[in-house]
Amino acid sequence: MRLGQAKIPVKIVNLMHAAELREILENSRHEKRAAFDLDEVLVRAEGDPFLEEPLPFPWKYIYKERIRRGVPALFHALERSGYDVWLYSSQYHSADAVLDYFRRYHVKIAGVVSASGRKIFQRVNDMKVEKLIREKYRQTLHIDNDMVLLTRNDLKEPQEFDLSGAPETWSQEIMDVIEKIEKEEAGWPT
Protein backbone atom coordinates (compact mmCIF):
# COMPACT_ATOMS: atom_id res chain seq x y z
CA MET A 1 0.00 0.00 0.00
CA ARG A 2 2.87 2.36 0.79
CA LEU A 3 4.29 1.81 -2.69
CA GLY A 4 0.95 2.60 -4.27
CA GLN A 5 0.82 -0.83 -5.86
CA ALA A 6 -2.41 -2.78 -6.13
CA LYS A 7 -0.55 -6.08 -6.49
CA ILE A 8 2.96 -7.20 -5.62
CA PRO A 9 4.34 -10.49 -7.01
CA VAL A 10 5.30 -12.99 -4.34
CA LYS A 11 7.23 -16.21 -4.73
CA ILE A 12 6.66 -18.67 -1.90
CA VAL A 13 9.65 -20.80 -0.96
CA ASN A 14 9.37 -23.55 1.61
CA LEU A 15 12.53 -23.09 3.63
CA MET A 16 14.26 -26.23 4.84
CA HIS A 17 14.53 -26.93 8.53
CA ALA A 18 17.16 -29.02 10.29
CA ALA A 19 14.51 -31.61 11.16
CA GLU A 20 13.77 -32.04 7.44
CA LEU A 21 17.41 -32.86 6.74
CA ARG A 22 17.36 -35.47 9.46
CA GLU A 23 14.12 -36.88 8.04
CA ILE A 24 15.63 -37.11 4.54
CA LEU A 25 18.54 -39.11 5.93
CA GLU A 26 16.29 -41.36 8.03
CA ASN A 27 13.99 -42.08 5.07
CA SER A 28 16.70 -42.63 2.48
CA ARG A 29 16.71 -46.15 1.13
CA HIS A 30 20.29 -46.70 0.04
CA GLU A 31 23.81 -46.48 1.45
CA LYS A 32 25.18 -44.78 -1.65
CA ARG A 33 24.43 -41.28 -2.88
CA ALA A 34 24.75 -39.34 -6.13
CA ALA A 35 24.90 -35.56 -5.82
CA PHE A 36 24.21 -33.06 -8.62
CA ASP A 37 24.23 -29.29 -8.86
CA LEU A 38 20.75 -28.50 -10.13
CA ASP A 39 21.54 -25.07 -11.57
CA GLU A 40 24.95 -25.69 -13.13
CA VAL A 41 24.67 -29.31 -14.28
CA LEU A 42 21.06 -30.41 -14.79
CA VAL A 43 19.11 -27.33 -15.88
CA ARG A 44 20.14 -26.10 -19.31
CA ALA A 45 19.39 -23.01 -21.40
CA GLU A 46 16.39 -23.15 -23.71
CA GLY A 47 18.53 -23.04 -26.87
CA ASP A 48 20.58 -26.11 -25.87
CA PRO A 49 20.05 -28.82 -28.53
CA PHE A 50 20.36 -31.66 -25.99
CA LEU A 51 17.30 -31.15 -23.78
CA GLU A 52 14.66 -33.53 -22.53
CA GLU A 53 11.29 -33.07 -24.19
CA PRO A 54 9.20 -30.39 -22.47
CA LEU A 55 6.70 -31.60 -19.94
CA PRO A 56 3.16 -32.04 -21.27
CA PHE A 57 0.43 -29.44 -20.82
CA PRO A 58 -0.13 -27.82 -18.32
CA TRP A 59 3.18 -28.66 -16.59
CA LYS A 60 5.37 -27.08 -19.27
CA TYR A 61 3.85 -23.71 -18.36
CA ILE A 62 4.30 -24.25 -14.63
CA TYR A 63 7.85 -25.62 -14.85
CA LYS A 64 9.62 -23.68 -17.57
CA GLU A 65 13.10 -24.99 -16.75
CA ARG A 66 14.46 -27.68 -19.03
CA ILE A 67 16.87 -30.42 -18.06
CA ARG A 68 19.59 -31.94 -20.17
CA ARG A 69 18.79 -34.99 -22.26
CA GLY A 70 19.27 -38.32 -20.53
CA VAL A 71 18.79 -37.13 -16.93
CA PRO A 72 15.67 -39.26 -16.22
CA ALA A 73 17.36 -42.37 -17.66
CA LEU A 74 20.49 -41.63 -15.63
CA PHE A 75 18.47 -41.21 -12.43
CA HIS A 76 16.71 -44.53 -13.08
CA ALA A 77 20.10 -46.22 -13.61
CA LEU A 78 21.36 -44.73 -10.34
CA GLU A 79 18.28 -46.01 -8.51
CA ARG A 80 18.81 -49.52 -9.96
CA SER A 81 22.44 -49.39 -8.83
CA GLY A 82 21.46 -48.52 -5.26
CA TYR A 83 22.02 -44.74 -5.17
CA ASP A 84 19.90 -42.04 -3.58
CA VAL A 85 19.87 -38.92 -5.77
CA TRP A 86 20.47 -35.57 -4.06
CA LEU A 87 20.19 -32.20 -5.77
CA TYR A 88 21.97 -29.07 -4.58
CA SER A 89 21.15 -25.54 -5.67
CA SER A 90 22.49 -22.10 -4.89
CA GLN A 91 19.06 -20.68 -5.68
CA TYR A 92 16.14 -20.48 -3.26
CA HIS A 93 14.15 -23.27 -4.90
CA SER A 94 11.30 -24.82 -3.01
CA ALA A 95 12.16 -28.46 -2.34
CA ASP A 96 8.51 -29.37 -2.96
CA ALA A 97 8.58 -27.73 -6.40
CA VAL A 98 11.85 -29.45 -7.38
CA LEU A 99 10.55 -32.85 -6.22
CA ASP A 100 7.30 -32.32 -8.12
CA TYR A 101 9.16 -31.28 -11.28
CA PHE A 102 11.23 -34.47 -11.32
CA ARG A 103 8.21 -36.55 -10.36
CA ARG A 104 6.73 -35.42 -13.71
CA TYR A 105 9.66 -37.25 -15.33
CA HIS A 106 8.89 -40.31 -13.15
CA VAL A 107 12.09 -40.13 -11.11
CA LYS A 108 12.51 -40.07 -7.35
CA ILE A 109 14.82 -37.58 -5.67
CA ALA A 110 15.93 -38.41 -2.12
CA GLY A 111 17.03 -34.93 -1.08
CA VAL A 112 16.94 -31.35 -2.28
CA VAL A 113 19.21 -28.81 -0.61
CA SER A 114 18.69 -25.26 -1.84
CA ALA A 115 20.38 -22.07 -0.70
CA SER A 116 18.17 -22.09 2.38
CA GLY A 117 19.28 -25.62 3.22
CA ARG A 118 22.93 -24.71 2.73
CA LYS A 119 22.51 -21.98 5.32
CA ILE A 120 21.22 -24.63 7.70
CA PHE A 121 24.34 -26.72 7.01
CA GLN A 122 26.44 -23.74 8.03
CA ARG A 123 24.27 -22.52 10.91
CA VAL A 124 23.35 -25.67 12.84
CA ASN A 125 26.46 -26.78 14.73
CA ASP A 126 24.84 -29.27 17.08
CA MET A 127 23.37 -31.29 14.24
CA LYS A 128 26.61 -32.01 12.34
CA VAL A 129 24.78 -32.68 9.09
CA GLU A 130 27.90 -33.63 7.16
CA LYS A 131 28.75 -36.23 9.80
CA LEU A 132 25.23 -37.65 9.57
CA ILE A 133 25.58 -37.89 5.80
CA ARG A 134 28.94 -39.70 6.09
CA GLU A 135 27.42 -42.12 8.61
CA LYS A 136 24.43 -42.80 6.36
CA TYR A 137 26.22 -43.07 3.00
CA ARG A 138 29.33 -45.19 2.56
CA GLN A 139 30.02 -43.59 -0.81
CA THR A 140 28.99 -40.51 -2.75
CA LEU A 141 29.28 -39.69 -6.43
CA HIS A 142 29.63 -35.96 -7.04
CA ILE A 143 28.60 -35.61 -10.67
CA ASP A 144 29.54 -32.54 -12.68
CA ASN A 145 29.58 -31.60 -16.36
CA ASP A 146 33.00 -33.09 -17.06
CA MET A 147 33.88 -35.28 -14.08
CA VAL A 148 32.56 -37.82 -11.60
CA LEU A 149 34.20 -37.68 -8.19
CA LEU A 150 33.83 -40.78 -6.01
CA THR A 151 34.27 -40.35 -2.28
CA ARG A 152 34.09 -43.40 -0.07
CA ASN A 153 34.39 -43.74 3.68
CA ASP A 154 37.14 -46.34 3.26
CA LEU A 155 39.24 -44.23 0.86
CA LYS A 156 41.52 -41.42 1.98
CA GLU A 157 41.54 -39.75 -1.41
CA PRO A 158 38.60 -39.41 -3.79
CA GLN A 159 38.71 -41.12 -7.18
CA GLU A 160 38.21 -38.98 -10.28
CA PHE A 161 36.60 -40.19 -13.48
CA ASP A 162 36.84 -37.75 -16.38
CA LEU A 163 33.93 -37.26 -18.77
CA SER A 164 34.38 -36.05 -22.33
CA GLY A 165 32.13 -33.05 -21.79
CA ALA A 166 30.09 -33.98 -24.86
CA PRO A 167 26.44 -33.28 -23.98
CA GLU A 168 25.14 -36.01 -26.28
CA THR A 169 27.01 -38.76 -24.37
CA TRP A 170 27.06 -37.27 -20.85
CA SER A 171 24.45 -39.58 -19.28
CA GLN A 172 25.85 -42.72 -20.92
CA GLU A 173 29.39 -41.88 -19.82
CA ILE A 174 28.19 -41.58 -16.21
CA MET A 175 26.38 -44.92 -16.48
CA ASP A 176 29.64 -46.42 -17.77
CA VAL A 177 31.51 -44.98 -14.76
CA ILE A 178 28.92 -46.49 -12.41
CA GLU A 179 29.34 -49.88 -14.12
CA LYS A 180 33.12 -49.60 -13.77
CA ILE A 181 32.83 -48.77 -10.04
CA GLU A 182 30.48 -51.72 -9.49
CA LYS A 183 32.86 -54.10 -11.28
CA GLU A 184 35.80 -52.84 -9.19
CA GLU A 185 33.77 -53.34 -5.98
CA ALA A 186 32.86 -56.86 -7.08
CA GLY A 187 36.52 -57.62 -7.88
CA TRP A 188 35.96 -57.99 -11.63
CA PRO A 189 38.63 -56.83 -14.08
CA THR A 190 37.82 -53.48 -15.66
C-alpha atoms as a PDB file:
ATOM      1  CA  MET A   1       0.000   0.000   0.000  1.00  0.00           C
ATOM      2  CA  ARG A   2       2.865   2.358   0.791  1.00  0.00           C
ATOM      3  CA  LEU A   3       4.293   1.812  -2.687  1.00  0.00           C
ATOM      4  CA  GLY A   4       0.950   2.597  -4.267  1.00  0.00           C
ATOM      5  CA  GLN A   5       0.815  -0.832  -5.858  1.00  0.00           C
ATOM      6  CA  ALA A   6      -2.408  -2.783  -6.133  1.00  0.00           C
ATOM      7  CA  LYS A   7      -0.550  -6.081  -6.485  1.00  0.00           C
ATOM      8  CA  ILE A   8       2.959  -7.195  -5.625  1.00  0.00           C
ATOM      9  CA  PRO A   9       4.342 -10.486  -7.009  1.00  0.00           C
ATOM     10  CA  VAL A  10       5.297 -12.986  -4.335  1.00  0.00           C
ATOM     11  CA  LYS A  11       7.226 -16.210  -4.729  1.00  0.00           C
ATOM     12  CA  ILE A  12       6.656 -18.674  -1.897  1.00  0.00           C
ATOM     13  CA  VAL A  13       9.648 -20.800  -0.962  1.00  0.00           C
ATOM     14  CA  ASN A  14       9.372 -23.555   1.612  1.00  0.00           C
ATOM     15  CA  LEU A  15      12.534 -23.093   3.631  1.00  0.00           C
ATOM     16  CA  MET A  16      14.258 -26.232   4.836  1.00  0.00           C
ATOM     17  CA  HIS A  17      14.532 -26.926   8.532  1.00  0.00           C
ATOM     18  CA  ALA A  18      17.164 -29.024  10.287  1.00  0.00           C
ATOM     19  CA  ALA A  19      14.514 -31.614  11.162  1.00  0.00           C
ATOM     20  CA  GLU A  20      13.773 -32.044   7.445  1.00  0.00           C
ATOM     21  CA  LEU A  21      17.410 -32.856   6.741  1.00  0.00           C
ATOM     22  CA  ARG A  22      17.360 -35.474   9.457  1.00  0.00           C
ATOM     23  CA  GLU A  23      14.123 -36.880   8.043  1.00  0.00           C
ATOM     24  CA  ILE A  24      15.631 -37.112   4.545  1.00  0.00           C
ATOM     25  CA  LEU A  25      18.538 -39.113   5.933  1.00  0.00           C
ATOM     26  CA  GLU A  26      16.295 -41.364   8.025  1.00  0.00           C
ATOM     27  CA  ASN A  27      13.991 -42.085   5.073  1.00  0.00           C
ATOM     28  CA  SER A  28      16.699 -42.627   2.478  1.00  0.00           C
ATOM     29  CA  ARG A  29      16.714 -46.146   1.127  1.00  0.00           C
ATOM     30  CA  HIS A  30      20.295 -46.696   0.044  1.00  0.00           C
ATOM     31  CA  GLU A  31      23.806 -46.481   1.451  1.00  0.00           C
ATOM     32  CA  LYS A  32      25.183 -44.784  -1.655  1.00  0.00           C
ATOM     33  CA  ARG A  33      24.430 -41.285  -2.882  1.00  0.00           C
ATOM     34  CA  ALA A  34      24.754 -39.342  -6.134  1.00  0.00           C
ATOM     35  CA  ALA A  35      24.896 -35.556  -5.821  1.00  0.00           C
ATOM     36  CA  PHE A  36      24.213 -33.065  -8.620  1.00  0.00           C
ATOM     37  CA  ASP A  37      24.228 -29.288  -8.862  1.00  0.00           C
ATOM     38  CA  LEU A  38      20.749 -28.503 -10.129  1.00  0.00           C
ATOM     39  CA  ASP A  39      21.542 -25.072 -11.573  1.00  0.00           C
ATOM     40  CA  GLU A  40      24.954 -25.690 -13.131  1.00  0.00           C
ATOM     41  CA  VAL A  41      24.668 -29.310 -14.278  1.00  0.00           C
ATOM     42  CA  LEU A  42      21.062 -30.414 -14.789  1.00  0.00           C
ATOM     43  CA  VAL A  43      19.112 -27.325 -15.879  1.00  0.00           C
ATOM     44  CA  ARG A  44      20.140 -26.096 -19.310  1.00  0.00           C
ATOM     45  CA  ALA A  45      19.389 -23.012 -21.402  1.00  0.00           C
ATOM     46  CA  GLU A  46      16.387 -23.146 -23.709  1.00  0.00           C
ATOM     47  CA  GLY A  47      18.531 -23.044 -26.867  1.00  0.00           C
ATOM     48  CA  ASP A  48      20.583 -26.105 -25.872  1.00  0.00           C
ATOM     49  CA  PRO A  49      20.050 -28.816 -28.532  1.00  0.00           C
ATOM     50  CA  PHE A  50      20.357 -31.664 -25.989  1.00  0.00           C
ATOM     51  CA  LEU A  51      17.303 -31.146 -23.781  1.00  0.00           C
ATOM     52  CA  GLU A  52      14.657 -33.527 -22.534  1.00  0.00           C
ATOM     53  CA  GLU A  53      11.290 -33.072 -24.188  1.00  0.00           C
ATOM     54  CA  PRO A  54       9.202 -30.392 -22.471  1.00  0.00           C
ATOM     55  CA  LEU A  55       6.702 -31.604 -19.935  1.00  0.00           C
ATOM     56  CA  PRO A  56       3.156 -32.045 -21.266  1.00  0.00           C
ATOM     57  CA  PHE A  57       0.430 -29.441 -20.815  1.00  0.00           C
ATOM     58  CA  PRO A  58      -0.126 -27.822 -18.316  1.00  0.00           C
ATOM     59  CA  TRP A  59       3.184 -28.656 -16.590  1.00  0.00           C
ATOM     60  CA  LYS A  60       5.368 -27.078 -19.273  1.00  0.00           C
ATOM     61  CA  TYR A  61       3.852 -23.715 -18.362  1.00  0.00           C
ATOM     62  CA  ILE A  62       4.304 -24.247 -14.634  1.00  0.00           C
ATOM     63  CA  TYR A  63       7.854 -25.622 -14.853  1.00  0.00           C
ATOM     64  CA  LYS A  64       9.622 -23.678 -17.573  1.00  0.00           C
ATOM     65  CA  GLU A  65      13.103 -24.986 -16.746  1.00  0.00           C
ATOM     66  CA  ARG A  66      14.461 -27.679 -19.030  1.00  0.00           C
ATOM     67  CA  ILE A  67      16.867 -30.417 -18.056  1.00  0.00           C
ATOM     68  CA  ARG A  68      19.591 -31.943 -20.172  1.00  0.00           C
ATOM     69  CA  ARG A  69      18.787 -34.995 -22.257  1.00  0.00           C
ATOM     70  CA  GLY A  70      19.275 -38.323 -20.526  1.00  0.00           C
ATOM     71  CA  VAL A  71      18.794 -37.135 -16.925  1.00  0.00           C
ATOM     72  CA  PRO A  72      15.674 -39.259 -16.225  1.00  0.00           C
ATOM     73  CA  ALA A  73      17.357 -42.374 -17.659  1.00  0.00           C
ATOM     74  CA  LEU A  74      20.490 -41.634 -15.632  1.00  0.00           C
ATOM     75  CA  PHE A  75      18.466 -41.208 -12.427  1.00  0.00           C
ATOM     76  CA  HIS A  76      16.705 -44.535 -13.076  1.00  0.00           C
ATOM     77  CA  ALA A  77      20.097 -46.216 -13.611  1.00  0.00           C
ATOM     78  CA  LEU A  78      21.362 -44.726 -10.340  1.00  0.00           C
ATOM     79  CA  GLU A  79      18.284 -46.014  -8.514  1.00  0.00           C
ATOM     80  CA  ARG A  80      18.806 -49.518  -9.956  1.00  0.00           C
ATOM     81  CA  SER A  81      22.444 -49.387  -8.827  1.00  0.00           C
ATOM     82  CA  GLY A  82      21.456 -48.516  -5.265  1.00  0.00           C
ATOM     83  CA  TYR A  83      22.021 -44.744  -5.171  1.00  0.00           C
ATOM     84  CA  ASP A  84      19.896 -42.040  -3.580  1.00  0.00           C
ATOM     85  CA  VAL A  85      19.874 -38.921  -5.766  1.00  0.00           C
ATOM     86  CA  TRP A  86      20.474 -35.568  -4.063  1.00  0.00           C
ATOM     87  CA  LEU A  87      20.187 -32.201  -5.770  1.00  0.00           C
ATOM     88  CA  TYR A  88      21.971 -29.072  -4.585  1.00  0.00           C
ATOM     89  CA  SER A  89      21.145 -25.542  -5.673  1.00  0.00           C
ATOM     90  CA  SER A  90      22.494 -22.105  -4.893  1.00  0.00           C
ATOM     91  CA  GLN A  91      19.057 -20.684  -5.683  1.00  0.00           C
ATOM     92  CA  TYR A  92      16.142 -20.478  -3.264  1.00  0.00           C
ATOM     93  CA  HIS A  93      14.146 -23.267  -4.899  1.00  0.00           C
ATOM     94  CA  SER A  94      11.302 -24.816  -3.008  1.00  0.00           C
ATOM     95  CA  ALA A  95      12.156 -28.459  -2.336  1.00  0.00           C
ATOM     96  CA  ASP A  96       8.515 -29.374  -2.959  1.00  0.00           C
ATOM     97  CA  ALA A  97       8.581 -27.730  -6.402  1.00  0.00           C
ATOM     98  CA  VAL A  98      11.853 -29.454  -7.376  1.00  0.00           C
ATOM     99  CA  LEU A  99      10.549 -32.846  -6.218  1.00  0.00           C
ATOM    100  CA  ASP A 100       7.300 -32.324  -8.123  1.00  0.00           C
ATOM    101  CA  TYR A 101       9.159 -31.281 -11.275  1.00  0.00           C
ATOM    102  CA  PHE A 102      11.235 -34.475 -11.318  1.00  0.00           C
ATOM    103  CA  ARG A 103       8.207 -36.554 -10.363  1.00  0.00           C
ATOM    104  CA  ARG A 104       6.733 -35.421 -13.710  1.00  0.00           C
ATOM    105  CA  TYR A 105       9.664 -37.253 -15.328  1.00  0.00           C
ATOM    106  CA  HIS A 106       8.894 -40.310 -13.148  1.00  0.00           C
ATOM    107  CA  VAL A 107      12.090 -40.127 -11.113  1.00  0.00           C
ATOM    108  CA  LYS A 108      12.514 -40.071  -7.354  1.00  0.00           C
ATOM    109  CA  ILE A 109      14.819 -37.581  -5.674  1.00  0.00           C
ATOM    110  CA  ALA A 110      15.926 -38.410  -2.123  1.00  0.00           C
ATOM    111  CA  GLY A 111      17.025 -34.930  -1.081  1.00  0.00           C
ATOM    112  CA  VAL A 112      16.938 -31.348  -2.280  1.00  0.00           C
ATOM    113  CA  VAL A 113      19.211 -28.809  -0.614  1.00  0.00           C
ATOM    114  CA  SER A 114      18.693 -25.260  -1.842  1.00  0.00           C
ATOM    115  CA  ALA A 115      20.383 -22.072  -0.699  1.00  0.00           C
ATOM    116  CA  SER A 116      18.168 -22.091   2.380  1.00  0.00           C
ATOM    117  CA  GLY A 117      19.285 -25.624   3.220  1.00  0.00           C
ATOM    118  CA  ARG A 118      22.933 -24.706   2.728  1.00  0.00           C
ATOM    119  CA  LYS A 119      22.515 -21.979   5.317  1.00  0.00           C
ATOM    120  CA  ILE A 120      21.221 -24.634   7.703  1.00  0.00           C
ATOM    121  CA  PHE A 121      24.343 -26.720   7.012  1.00  0.00           C
ATOM    122  CA  GLN A 122      26.443 -23.735   8.029  1.00  0.00           C
ATOM    123  CA  ARG A 123      24.271 -22.525  10.909  1.00  0.00           C
ATOM    124  CA  VAL A 124      23.353 -25.667  12.839  1.00  0.00           C
ATOM    125  CA  ASN A 125      26.462 -26.778  14.727  1.00  0.00           C
ATOM    126  CA  ASP A 126      24.841 -29.268  17.082  1.00  0.00           C
ATOM    127  CA  MET A 127      23.367 -31.292  14.239  1.00  0.00           C
ATOM    128  CA  LYS A 128      26.614 -32.007  12.344  1.00  0.00           C
ATOM    129  CA  VAL A 129      24.776 -32.679   9.094  1.00  0.00           C
ATOM    130  CA  GLU A 130      27.896 -33.625   7.159  1.00  0.00           C
ATOM    131  CA  LYS A 131      28.748 -36.227   9.803  1.00  0.00           C
ATOM    132  CA  LEU A 132      25.227 -37.645   9.565  1.00  0.00           C
ATOM    133  CA  ILE A 133      25.584 -37.893   5.797  1.00  0.00           C
ATOM    134  CA  ARG A 134      28.939 -39.696   6.093  1.00  0.00           C
ATOM    135  CA  GLU A 135      27.420 -42.119   8.613  1.00  0.00           C
ATOM    136  CA  LYS A 136      24.431 -42.801   6.356  1.00  0.00           C
ATOM    137  CA  TYR A 137      26.223 -43.071   3.002  1.00  0.00           C
ATOM    138  CA  ARG A 138      29.333 -45.189   2.565  1.00  0.00           C
ATOM    139  CA  GLN A 139      30.017 -43.590  -0.808  1.00  0.00           C
ATOM    140  CA  THR A 140      28.986 -40.515  -2.751  1.00  0.00           C
ATOM    141  CA  LEU A 141      29.280 -39.691  -6.431  1.00  0.00           C
ATOM    142  CA  HIS A 142      29.630 -35.956  -7.036  1.00  0.00           C
ATOM    143  CA  ILE A 143      28.604 -35.608 -10.668  1.00  0.00           C
ATOM    144  CA  ASP A 144      29.542 -32.543 -12.682  1.00  0.00           C
ATOM    145  CA  ASN A 145      29.576 -31.600 -16.365  1.00  0.00           C
ATOM    146  CA  ASP A 146      32.997 -33.088 -17.064  1.00  0.00           C
ATOM    147  CA  MET A 147      33.875 -35.280 -14.082  1.00  0.00           C
ATOM    148  CA  VAL A 148      32.564 -37.820 -11.596  1.00  0.00           C
ATOM    149  CA  LEU A 149      34.205 -37.677  -8.185  1.00  0.00           C
ATOM    150  CA  LEU A 150      33.831 -40.781  -6.012  1.00  0.00           C
ATOM    151  CA  THR A 151      34.267 -40.352  -2.276  1.00  0.00           C
ATOM    152  CA  ARG A 152      34.088 -43.399  -0.066  1.00  0.00           C
ATOM    153  CA  ASN A 153      34.390 -43.736   3.680  1.00  0.00           C
ATOM    154  CA  ASP A 154      37.143 -46.339   3.264  1.00  0.00           C
ATOM    155  CA  LEU A 155      39.242 -44.226   0.856  1.00  0.00           C
ATOM    156  CA  LYS A 156      41.519 -41.417   1.984  1.00  0.00           C
ATOM    157  CA  GLU A 157      41.542 -39.746  -1.415  1.00  0.00           C
ATOM    158  CA  PRO A 158      38.601 -39.406  -3.794  1.00  0.00           C
ATOM    159  CA  GLN A 159      38.709 -41.118  -7.178  1.00  0.00           C
ATOM    160  CA  GLU A 160      38.212 -38.985 -10.277  1.00  0.00           C
ATOM    161  CA  PHE A 161      36.597 -40.187 -13.476  1.00  0.00           C
ATOM    162  CA  ASP A 162      36.837 -37.751 -16.383  1.00  0.00           C
ATOM    163  CA  LEU A 163      33.931 -37.263 -18.769  1.00  0.00           C
ATOM    164  CA  SER A 164      34.384 -36.052 -22.330  1.00  0.00           C
ATOM    165  CA  GLY A 165      32.133 -33.052 -21.792  1.00  0.00           C
ATOM    166  CA  ALA A 166      30.085 -33.981 -24.860  1.00  0.00           C
ATOM    167  CA  PRO A 167      26.437 -33.285 -23.982  1.00  0.00           C
ATOM    168  CA  GLU A 168      25.140 -36.013 -26.277  1.00  0.00           C
ATOM    169  CA  THR A 169      27.010 -38.763 -24.375  1.00  0.00           C
ATOM    170  CA  TRP A 170      27.064 -37.268 -20.846  1.00  0.00           C
ATOM    171  CA  SER A 171      24.452 -39.585 -19.282  1.00  0.00           C
ATOM    172  CA  GLN A 172      25.848 -42.718 -20.921  1.00  0.00           C
ATOM    173  CA  GLU A 173      29.387 -41.879 -19.816  1.00  0.00           C
ATOM    174  CA  ILE A 174      28.194 -41.580 -16.208  1.00  0.00           C
ATOM    175  CA  MET A 175      26.385 -44.918 -16.481  1.00  0.00           C
ATOM    176  CA  ASP A 176      29.645 -46.422 -17.768  1.00  0.00           C
ATOM    177  CA  VAL A 177      31.514 -44.985 -14.760  1.00  0.00           C
ATOM    178  CA  ILE A 178      28.924 -46.495 -12.410  1.00  0.00           C
ATOM    179  CA  GLU A 179      29.343 -49.877 -14.116  1.00  0.00           C
ATOM    180  CA  LYS A 180      33.121 -49.603 -13.766  1.00  0.00           C
ATOM    181  CA  ILE A 181      32.827 -48.774 -10.041  1.00  0.00           C
ATOM    182  CA  GLU A 182      30.481 -51.720  -9.488  1.00  0.00           C
ATOM    183  CA  LYS A 183      32.864 -54.098 -11.281  1.00  0.00           C
ATOM    184  CA  GLU A 184      35.802 -52.844  -9.187  1.00  0.00           C
ATOM    185  CA  GLU A 185      33.767 -53.340  -5.985  1.00  0.00           C
ATOM    186  CA  ALA A 186      32.858 -56.860  -7.081  1.00  0.00           C
ATOM    187  CA  GLY A 187      36.517 -57.623  -7.885  1.00  0.00           C
ATOM    188  CA  TRP A 188      35.963 -57.988 -11.630  1.00  0.00           C
ATOM    189  CA  PRO A 189      38.626 -56.833 -14.075  1.00  0.00           C
ATOM    190  CA  THR A 190      37.820 -53.480 -15.664  1.00  0.00           C
END
